[in-house]
Amino acid sequence: MGRKTYPVSRVLVTGLAVALMLVPSAARAQDAAALKDALSAAWPGMAENATVVDWEGNVLQEGSNGYTCLPTPPMLNGTAPMCMDSEWMEWADAWQNKKDYAAYSLGISYMLAGDAGASNIDPYAEGPTAANEWIEEGAHLMILAPAELLKAFPTDPHNGGPYVMWKGTPYAHLMVPIGPRK
């Protein structure tokens, strides 16, 4: 008995069809992981009705409570998901696109999963150095406020309470620790 052979075009079409079937399931798994990561920043009641968007702007979950949760930014190592109100979404757009930003009203962002680290002085640092005050924070809130309201707060992340992160930049905000440091 001879071996059965198939035309090359049939093999290619079959292989392509199998590959196309796997891509959506891989994308769904990636979306599910991003969704889980993003929602880990929120308290349960918020997570139910929050919109979840990845950093490319793809909506992973529609919501109705005015908060948008994002997974850990792709350029960061570790975890740093966040859930932000509309003021923080404007801030995130400015930060991501390196645009100027000024807070004219209060904004609240939740990072209840904490973060794996960020510089306290450089909004674009990608890792710790001797000079960039790298800090790993446990569960915390972040508050945007007009710059004059932030002046009264210290910048020392080890002071035992709230502190200003990224002072002197357009992205300055108040960090409010609510859980133990990592």
Protein backbone atom coordinates (compact mmCIF):
# COMPACT_ATOMS: atom_id res chain seq x y z
CA MET A 1 0.00 0.00 0.00
CA GLY A 2 1.26 3.40 -0.88
CA ARG A 3 1.17 6.45 1.27
CA LYS A 4 -1.66 8.85 0.54
CA THR A 5 -0.53 12.29 -0.54
CA TYR A 6 -2.40 15.57 -0.50
CA PRO A 7 -1.87 18.54 -2.74
CA VAL A 8 0.28 21.26 -1.10
CA SER A 9 -2.55 23.77 -1.40
CA ARG A 10 -4.87 21.53 0.65
CA VAL A 11 -2.23 21.13 3.36
CA LEU A 12 -1.66 24.91 3.48
CA VAL A 13 -5.38 25.69 3.63
CA THR A 14 -5.92 23.13 6.41
CA GLY A 15 -2.93 24.46 8.36
CA LEU A 16 -4.12 28.04 7.94
CA ALA A 17 -7.63 27.12 9.10
CA VAL A 18 -6.25 25.45 12.24
CA ALA A 19 -4.01 28.45 12.94
CA LEU A 20 -6.93 30.86 12.55
CA MET A 21 -9.01 28.81 14.98
CA LEU A 22 -6.22 29.00 17.58
CA VAL A 23 -5.66 32.76 17.30
CA PRO A 24 -9.07 33.74 18.71
CA SER A 25 -8.68 31.38 21.67
CA ALA A 26 -5.19 32.74 22.36
CA ALA A 27 -6.54 36.29 22.12
CA ARG A 28 -9.44 35.38 24.44
CA ALA A 29 -7.00 33.95 26.98
CA GLN A 30 -4.87 37.09 26.77
CA ASP A 31 -7.99 39.28 27.16
CA ALA A 32 -9.16 37.19 30.14
CA ALA A 33 -5.76 37.58 31.83
CA ALA A 34 -5.77 41.35 31.18
CA LEU A 35 -9.34 41.59 32.52
CA LYS A 36 -8.44 39.70 35.70
CA ASP A 37 -5.30 41.83 36.19
CA ALA A 38 -7.19 45.10 35.64
CA LEU A 39 -10.03 44.22 38.01
CA SER A 40 -7.60 43.22 40.78
CA ALA A 41 -7.10 46.97 41.31
CA ALA A 42 -10.76 47.52 42.28
CA TRP A 43 -12.84 46.68 45.29
CA PRO A 44 -15.52 44.04 44.45
CA GLY A 45 -18.50 46.40 44.14
CA MET A 46 -16.54 48.62 41.77
CA ALA A 47 -15.24 45.73 39.67
CA GLU A 48 -18.76 44.55 38.78
CA ASN A 49 -19.66 47.71 36.88
CA ALA A 50 -16.30 49.12 35.80
CA THR A 51 -15.29 49.48 32.19
CA VAL A 52 -12.09 47.59 31.43
CA VAL A 53 -9.83 48.77 28.63
CA ASP A 54 -6.42 47.51 27.59
CA TRP A 55 -3.60 49.98 26.86
CA GLU A 56 -4.38 49.87 23.12
CA GLY A 57 -7.94 51.10 23.80
CA ASN A 58 -9.72 47.76 23.30
CA VAL A 59 -12.78 47.45 25.56
CA LEU A 60 -12.64 44.14 27.45
CA GLN A 61 -15.71 44.84 29.62
CA GLU A 62 -18.40 47.49 29.32
CA GLY A 63 -19.27 49.27 32.55
CA SER A 64 -21.56 51.90 33.98
CA ASN A 65 -20.04 53.23 37.22
CA GLY A 66 -17.73 55.89 35.75
CA TYR A 67 -14.51 53.99 36.50
CA THR A 68 -12.18 52.53 33.92
CA CYS A 69 -9.78 49.78 34.93
CA LEU A 70 -6.58 49.07 33.03
CA PRO A 71 -4.20 46.14 33.38
CA THR A 72 -0.54 46.62 34.23
CA PRO A 73 1.03 48.95 31.63
CA PRO A 74 2.92 46.83 29.09
CA MET A 75 6.23 48.64 29.63
CA LEU A 76 6.29 47.84 33.36
CA ASN A 77 7.62 44.70 35.02
CA GLY A 78 5.50 43.10 37.71
CA THR A 79 1.98 44.27 38.42
CA ALA A 80 0.44 47.74 38.50
CA PRO A 81 -3.22 47.57 37.46
CA MET A 82 -5.38 50.60 38.20
CA CYS A 83 -9.00 51.74 38.17
CA MET A 84 -9.46 55.42 37.38
CA ASP A 85 -12.18 58.02 37.25
CA SER A 86 -12.50 60.40 34.27
CA GLU A 87 -9.92 62.88 35.62
CA TRP A 88 -7.41 60.06 35.96
CA MET A 89 -8.19 58.88 32.43
CA GLU A 90 -7.15 62.32 31.17
CA TRP A 91 -4.00 62.02 33.27
CA ALA A 92 -3.27 58.51 31.86
CA ASP A 93 -3.61 59.79 28.30
CA ALA A 94 -1.18 62.63 29.05
CA TRP A 95 1.29 60.29 30.82
CA GLN A 96 1.14 57.59 28.14
CA ASN A 97 1.62 60.14 25.34
CA LYS A 98 4.08 62.36 27.25
CA LYS A 99 1.77 65.38 27.04
CA ASP A 100 1.35 68.21 29.52
CA TYR A 101 -1.34 67.77 32.13
CA ALA A 102 -2.69 69.89 34.96
CA ALA A 103 -5.33 68.77 37.45
CA TYR A 104 -8.13 71.27 37.90
CA SER A 105 -10.33 69.00 40.00
CA LEU A 106 -9.95 66.02 42.28
CA GLY A 107 -9.53 62.57 40.76
CA ILE A 108 -9.35 59.15 42.40
CA SER A 109 -7.56 56.04 41.20
CA TYR A 110 -7.51 52.68 42.97
CA MET A 111 -4.50 50.37 42.94
CA LEU A 112 -5.67 47.77 45.44
CA ALA A 113 -3.33 45.11 44.02
CA GLY A 114 -0.41 47.42 44.76
CA ASP A 115 2.43 47.74 42.33
CA ALA A 116 5.76 46.06 41.73
CA GLY A 117 7.61 49.33 41.80
CA ALA A 118 8.00 52.77 40.32
CA SER A 119 10.33 55.68 40.73
CA ASN A 120 9.08 58.27 43.17
CA ILE A 121 10.68 61.07 41.11
CA ASP A 122 10.79 59.94 37.44
CA PRO A 123 7.45 59.11 35.77
CA TYR A 124 9.20 57.19 32.98
CA ALA A 125 11.81 55.19 34.91
CA GLU A 126 11.64 51.53 33.93
CA GLY A 127 13.65 50.12 36.81
CA PRO A 128 15.43 51.00 40.02
CA THR A 129 18.63 53.01 40.02
CA ALA A 130 20.66 54.52 42.85
CA ALA A 131 19.14 57.94 42.15
CA ASN A 132 15.47 57.42 41.30
CA GLU A 133 13.89 56.57 44.69
CA TRP A 134 12.36 53.27 43.57
CA ILE A 135 9.37 52.33 45.72
CA GLU A 136 7.18 49.23 45.80
CA GLU A 137 3.79 50.10 47.20
CA GLY A 138 1.09 47.84 48.61
CA ALA A 139 -2.61 48.62 48.16
CA HIS A 140 -3.08 52.35 47.72
CA LEU A 141 -5.23 55.14 46.37
CA MET A 142 -3.91 57.88 44.14
CA ILE A 143 -5.43 61.33 44.30
CA LEU A 144 -5.14 64.04 41.67
CA ALA A 145 -5.55 67.58 42.86
CA PRO A 146 -4.58 71.05 41.70
CA ALA A 147 -0.85 71.57 42.34
CA GLU A 148 -1.41 74.10 45.15
CA LEU A 149 -3.29 71.47 47.18
CA LEU A 150 -0.35 69.05 46.96
CA LYS A 151 2.19 71.53 48.38
CA ALA A 152 1.39 70.65 52.02
CA PHE A 153 2.28 66.96 51.61
CA PRO A 154 5.75 65.43 51.93
CA THR A 155 7.48 63.55 49.11
CA ASP A 156 9.00 60.91 51.41
CA PRO A 157 7.34 57.55 50.69
CA HIS A 158 8.57 56.23 54.05
CA ASN A 159 6.86 58.88 56.20
CA GLY A 160 4.07 56.52 57.28
CA GLY A 161 1.28 58.29 55.39
CA PRO A 162 0.35 60.05 52.16
CA TYR A 163 3.09 61.51 49.98
CA VAL A 164 3.44 63.28 46.66
CA MET A 165 4.84 61.20 43.82
CA TRP A 166 6.50 62.80 40.77
CA LYS A 167 6.55 66.28 42.35
CA GLY A 168 7.54 68.99 39.88
CA THR A 169 6.20 67.08 36.87
CA PRO A 170 2.82 67.41 35.15
CA TYR A 171 1.98 63.97 36.57
CA ALA A 172 2.35 64.78 40.29
CA HIS A 173 -0.25 63.09 42.48
CA LEU A 174 -0.88 62.09 46.08
CA MET A 175 -0.16 58.49 47.02
CA VAL A 176 -2.29 57.22 49.92
CA PRO A 177 -1.08 53.85 51.23
CA ILE A 178 -3.91 51.68 52.60
CA GLY A 179 -2.14 48.34 52.86
CA PRO A 180 1.28 47.02 53.79
CA ARG A 181 4.21 47.63 51.45
CA LYS A 182 5.29 44.74 49.30
